[in-house]
Amino acid sequence: MTEISVLIIDDEPIARRRMVRMLAAVEGVSVAGEAGDVPQALEKIAALAPSVLLLDIQMPGGSGFDVLEQAGPHAPLPIFVTAFDHHAIRAFECNAVDYLTKPVTPERLRQALDRARDMIVARENRDTVAELRETVAALRKALREQATRPTQFWVKSRRETIRIPAERVLRFQADGDYVQLHADQGSFLYNESLSALERRLPREDFLRISRSAIVRRDQVARVKRGPLNVLHVVLRDETEIKVGRTYLRAVRDGLMQG
């Protein structure tokens, strides 16, 4: 059974005490606290986060409607408990769970709380479904991205087609509409543009450092400054590549942090 925490909001202490006694006899219900006016009610809602309000309409500092308005769209579910029956239409326009007129009987109170519990369960189920949908969407997106990430490259070498695992690639260098793929076993022409490759390559492994070069991060040995204070990336095989001006920040953030 879903537990319900109730905040009693009524300016009459006797009415609050009577409500506390009736709630004590209802299974699965606890009294979160009491409030006697609008400011105190708002303070208790923020501090206690009850799931249900037993809410009087007329009280010092405003009305029960003021409480709901100021509590905002995430206010607890309201059950109005009042001596006046002419506010019922407005109460239900405020999405009231129920509207009870004083004196409230234990059976009528229990019915209202059961209805509140059903609404809480339904809302929790909707939230759970929404969270699951978000999780599934995120997983599908990750799987799509993973599926498009190249794990290997097939390149032509004379009369052969050679498979080169992604982890053996050192860098890519632009060569017209193609790129030169530099791996530990040599260099090969690869039939894809550098921009298209950049979109597919995992950013945690590769970094574009100029309009004409993408390097594997773990192949970078050091970064040095050349003439005119221009940055150069030096790879483990001692290849030096000039860092493009528009890629300076990416290199600093991606390679030179920490």
Protein backbone atom coordinates (compact mmCIF):
# COMPACT_ATOMS: atom_id res chain seq x y z
CA MET A 1 0.00 0.00 0.00
CA THR A 2 1.29 3.44 -0.95
CA GLU A 3 1.93 5.56 2.13
CA ILE A 4 0.30 9.00 2.30
CA SER A 5 1.72 11.89 4.30
CA VAL A 6 -0.83 14.57 5.12
CA LEU A 7 -0.42 18.22 6.05
CA ILE A 8 -3.44 19.57 7.93
CA ILE A 9 -4.12 23.24 7.16
CA ASP A 10 -6.85 24.81 9.28
CA ASP A 11 -6.91 27.94 11.44
CA GLU A 12 -8.94 26.20 14.17
CA PRO A 13 -6.78 24.14 16.59
CA ILE A 14 -9.79 22.05 17.66
CA ALA A 15 -10.52 21.13 14.04
CA ARG A 16 -6.87 20.19 13.49
CA ARG A 17 -6.80 17.97 16.60
CA ARG A 18 -10.00 16.20 15.50
CA MET A 19 -8.51 15.57 12.06
CA VAL A 20 -5.32 14.16 13.63
CA ARG A 21 -7.39 11.68 15.64
CA MET A 22 -9.34 10.54 12.58
CA LEU A 23 -6.19 10.16 10.48
CA ALA A 24 -4.59 7.99 13.16
CA ALA A 25 -7.26 5.39 12.50
CA VAL A 26 -6.59 5.24 8.74
CA GLU A 27 -4.07 2.62 7.62
CA GLY A 28 -1.21 3.84 5.47
CA VAL A 29 -1.64 7.49 6.44
CA SER A 30 0.69 9.65 8.52
CA VAL A 31 0.40 13.26 9.66
CA ALA A 32 3.34 15.23 8.31
CA GLY A 33 2.43 18.39 10.22
CA GLU A 34 -0.07 21.15 10.86
CA ALA A 35 -0.45 24.77 9.77
CA GLY A 36 -2.84 27.48 10.90
CA ASP A 37 -2.46 30.13 8.19
CA VAL A 38 -1.24 30.63 4.64
CA PRO A 39 2.40 31.61 5.33
CA GLN A 40 2.82 28.71 7.75
CA ALA A 41 1.19 26.34 5.27
CA LEU A 42 3.61 27.34 2.50
CA GLU A 43 6.55 26.96 4.86
CA LYS A 44 5.43 23.47 5.92
CA ILE A 45 4.79 22.37 2.33
CA ALA A 46 8.33 23.36 1.36
CA ALA A 47 9.91 21.78 4.44
CA LEU A 48 7.86 18.59 4.77
CA ALA A 49 6.87 17.79 1.15
CA PRO A 50 3.57 16.09 2.08
CA SER A 51 1.72 14.12 -0.54
CA VAL A 52 -1.76 15.39 0.43
CA LEU A 53 -3.17 18.60 1.90
CA LEU A 54 -6.30 18.65 4.08
CA LEU A 55 -7.06 22.23 3.28
CA ASP A 56 -9.51 24.68 4.83
CA ILE A 57 -10.64 27.57 2.63
CA GLN A 58 -10.95 30.54 4.96
CA MET A 59 -7.95 31.27 7.18
CA PRO A 60 -5.72 34.17 8.25
CA GLY A 61 -3.39 35.53 5.61
CA GLY A 62 -5.47 34.38 2.68
CA SER A 63 -7.40 31.29 1.60
CA GLY A 64 -6.81 27.69 0.74
CA PHE A 65 -6.86 28.71 -2.91
CA ASP A 66 -4.00 31.11 -2.20
CA VAL A 67 -2.01 28.22 -0.74
CA LEU A 68 -2.39 26.19 -3.92
CA GLU A 69 -1.64 29.14 -6.18
CA GLN A 70 1.53 30.07 -4.30
CA ALA A 71 2.68 26.47 -3.91
CA GLY A 72 2.79 26.22 -7.69
CA PRO A 73 2.23 23.40 -10.18
CA HIS A 74 3.92 20.80 -7.97
CA ALA A 75 1.70 21.41 -4.94
CA PRO A 76 0.54 18.32 -3.01
CA LEU A 77 -2.86 16.89 -3.86
CA PRO A 78 -5.55 19.00 -2.13
CA ILE A 79 -8.57 17.68 -0.26
CA PHE A 80 -10.67 20.65 0.77
CA VAL A 81 -12.25 20.46 4.23
CA THR A 82 -14.54 23.40 4.91
CA ALA A 83 -17.80 24.50 6.47
CA PHE A 84 -18.89 26.13 3.20
CA ASP A 85 -20.29 24.24 0.25
CA HIS A 86 -20.38 27.09 -2.28
CA HIS A 87 -16.66 26.87 -3.14
CA ALA A 88 -16.90 23.35 -4.53
CA ILE A 89 -16.85 24.32 -8.22
CA ARG A 90 -13.74 26.44 -7.80
CA ALA A 91 -12.11 23.71 -5.71
CA PHE A 92 -12.50 21.14 -8.45
CA GLU A 93 -11.24 23.66 -10.99
CA CYS A 94 -8.07 23.62 -8.85
CA ASN A 95 -7.86 19.84 -9.35
CA ALA A 96 -9.08 19.01 -5.86
CA VAL A 97 -9.14 15.32 -5.00
CA ASP A 98 -12.34 15.81 -3.01
CA TYR A 99 -14.41 18.46 -1.27
CA LEU A 100 -15.53 17.61 2.27
CA THR A 101 -17.91 19.73 4.31
CA LYS A 102 -17.63 19.90 8.08
CA PRO A 103 -18.33 17.99 10.21
CA VAL A 104 -16.39 15.30 8.34
CA THR A 105 -17.18 11.67 9.08
CA PRO A 106 -14.37 9.07 9.30
CA GLU A 107 -15.86 7.11 6.41
CA ARG A 108 -16.04 10.16 4.16
CA LEU A 109 -12.46 11.09 5.03
CA ARG A 110 -11.28 7.55 4.26
CA GLN A 111 -12.96 7.66 0.85
CA ALA A 112 -11.21 10.91 0.01
CA LEU A 113 -7.83 9.53 1.09
CA ASP A 114 -8.36 6.37 -0.95
CA ARG A 115 -9.05 8.53 -3.97
CA ALA A 116 -5.88 10.53 -3.27
CA ARG A 117 -3.87 7.32 -2.99
CA ASP A 118 -5.18 6.11 -6.35
CA MET A 119 -4.18 9.42 -7.95
CA ILE A 120 -0.70 9.25 -6.38
CA VAL A 121 -0.18 5.70 -7.67
CA ALA A 122 -1.36 6.70 -11.14
CA ARG A 123 0.99 9.71 -11.17
CA GLU A 124 3.93 7.59 -10.00
CA ASN A 125 3.19 5.06 -12.73
CA ARG A 126 3.13 7.82 -15.35
CA ASP A 127 6.44 9.18 -14.04
CA THR A 128 7.96 5.69 -14.11
CA VAL A 129 6.81 5.12 -17.68
CA ALA A 130 8.20 8.52 -18.70
CA GLU A 131 11.55 7.76 -17.05
CA LEU A 132 11.69 4.37 -18.75
CA ARG A 133 10.95 5.97 -22.11
CA GLU A 134 13.73 8.50 -21.57
CA THR A 135 16.13 5.72 -20.59
CA VAL A 136 15.21 3.62 -23.62
CA ALA A 137 15.59 6.64 -25.91
CA ALA A 138 19.02 7.40 -24.44
CA LEU A 139 20.10 3.78 -24.87
CA ARG A 140 18.89 3.69 -28.45
CA LYS A 141 20.75 6.90 -29.21
CA ALA A 142 23.93 5.52 -27.63
CA LEU A 143 23.58 2.29 -29.62
CA ARG A 144 23.06 4.21 -32.86
CA GLU A 145 26.13 6.33 -32.15
CA GLN A 146 28.12 3.26 -31.26
CA ALA A 147 26.98 1.49 -34.41
CA THR A 148 28.23 4.37 -36.58
CA ARG A 149 31.63 4.46 -34.88
CA PRO A 150 34.24 2.78 -37.02
CA THR A 151 36.07 -0.06 -35.29
CA GLN A 152 38.09 -0.90 -38.39
CA PHE A 153 39.08 0.56 -41.75
CA TRP A 154 39.46 -1.34 -45.02
CA VAL A 155 42.08 0.14 -47.32
CA LYS A 156 43.55 -0.89 -50.67
CA SER A 157 47.23 -1.70 -50.98
CA ARG A 158 48.28 -2.78 -54.46
CA ARG A 159 46.17 -5.86 -55.16
CA GLU A 160 45.05 -6.39 -51.58
CA THR A 161 42.41 -4.93 -49.29
CA ILE A 162 43.77 -4.63 -45.79
CA ARG A 163 41.86 -4.37 -42.53
CA ILE A 164 43.25 -1.82 -40.09
CA PRO A 165 41.76 -1.79 -36.55
CA ALA A 166 40.87 1.70 -35.32
CA GLU A 167 43.26 1.41 -32.38
CA ARG A 168 46.20 1.06 -34.80
CA VAL A 169 45.45 4.32 -36.60
CA LEU A 170 47.90 7.14 -35.78
CA ARG A 171 46.34 10.01 -37.68
CA PHE A 172 44.29 11.05 -40.69
CA GLN A 173 45.58 13.65 -43.15
CA ALA A 174 43.34 15.37 -45.72
CA ASP A 175 44.16 14.56 -49.35
CA GLY A 176 41.62 16.28 -51.60
CA ASP A 177 38.27 14.49 -51.29
CA TYR A 178 40.00 11.60 -49.55
CA VAL A 179 42.30 11.17 -46.58
CA GLN A 180 45.61 9.54 -45.98
CA LEU A 181 45.21 7.03 -43.18
CA HIS A 182 48.48 6.68 -41.29
CA ALA A 183 48.74 3.50 -39.25
CA ASP A 184 51.59 1.65 -37.60
CA GLN A 185 51.95 -0.55 -40.71
CA GLY A 186 52.03 2.29 -43.24
CA SER A 187 49.97 4.96 -44.98
CA PHE A 188 46.93 4.30 -47.16
CA LEU A 189 44.42 6.30 -49.15
CA TYR A 190 40.96 6.10 -47.57
CA ASN A 191 37.79 6.91 -49.47
CA GLU A 192 36.11 9.38 -47.09
CA SER A 193 36.42 13.08 -46.37
CA LEU A 194 38.02 14.34 -43.18
CA SER A 195 34.80 16.08 -42.10
CA ALA A 196 32.77 12.91 -42.53
CA LEU A 197 35.36 10.96 -40.55
CA GLU A 198 35.32 13.53 -37.76
CA ARG A 199 31.59 13.07 -37.32
CA ARG A 200 31.97 9.30 -36.99
CA LEU A 201 35.13 8.98 -34.95
CA PRO A 202 34.76 8.71 -31.15
CA ARG A 203 35.82 12.03 -29.64
CA GLU A 204 37.34 10.34 -26.63
CA ASP A 205 39.89 8.68 -28.98
CA PHE A 206 40.45 11.18 -31.79
CA LEU A 207 40.88 14.95 -31.99
CA ARG A 208 40.84 17.25 -34.98
CA ILE A 209 43.71 19.70 -34.69
CA SER A 210 43.51 21.49 -38.04
CA ARG A 211 41.51 21.66 -41.25
CA SER A 212 43.70 18.89 -42.63
CA ALA A 213 44.49 16.61 -39.68
CA ILE A 214 42.86 14.37 -37.08
CA VAL A 215 45.13 12.62 -34.59
CA ARG A 216 44.65 9.77 -32.19
CA ARG A 217 44.86 11.23 -28.69
CA ASP A 218 47.02 8.47 -27.21
CA GLN A 219 49.56 8.96 -30.02
CA VAL A 220 50.32 12.54 -28.99
CA ALA A 221 53.71 12.68 -27.29
CA ARG A 222 53.90 16.41 -26.65
CA VAL A 223 52.77 19.85 -27.76
CA LYS A 224 55.39 22.48 -28.54
CA ARG A 225 55.57 26.05 -29.76
CA GLY A 226 57.27 26.78 -33.04
CA PRO A 227 58.19 30.02 -34.83
CA LEU A 228 55.77 32.91 -34.31
CA ASN A 229 54.47 31.09 -31.22
CA VAL A 230 52.52 28.60 -33.35
CA LEU A 231 51.52 25.35 -31.63
CA HIS A 232 52.62 22.02 -33.04
CA VAL A 233 51.45 18.57 -31.99
CA VAL A 234 54.24 16.01 -31.95
CA LEU A 235 53.22 12.37 -32.28
CA ARG A 236 55.06 9.36 -30.91
CA ASP A 237 56.59 8.69 -34.33
CA GLU A 238 57.97 12.29 -34.20
CA THR A 239 55.57 13.55 -36.85
CA GLU A 240 54.91 17.26 -36.26
CA ILE A 241 51.55 18.76 -37.23
CA LYS A 242 50.74 22.45 -37.04
CA VAL A 243 47.65 23.26 -34.99
CA GLY A 244 45.11 25.32 -36.89
CA ARG A 245 44.17 28.67 -35.40
CA THR A 246 40.50 27.75 -35.02
CA TYR A 247 41.45 24.49 -33.28
CA LEU A 248 43.69 26.00 -30.60
CA ARG A 249 41.07 25.87 -27.89
CA ALA A 250 40.12 22.27 -28.73
CA VAL A 251 43.78 21.26 -28.43
CA ARG A 252 44.24 23.11 -25.16
CA ASP A 253 41.06 21.64 -23.67
CA GLY A 254 41.50 18.17 -25.13
CA LEU A 255 45.23 17.61 -24.74
CA MET A 256 46.78 20.19 -22.43
CA GLN A 257 44.42 20.06 -19.44
CA GLY A 258 45.78 18.50 -16.25
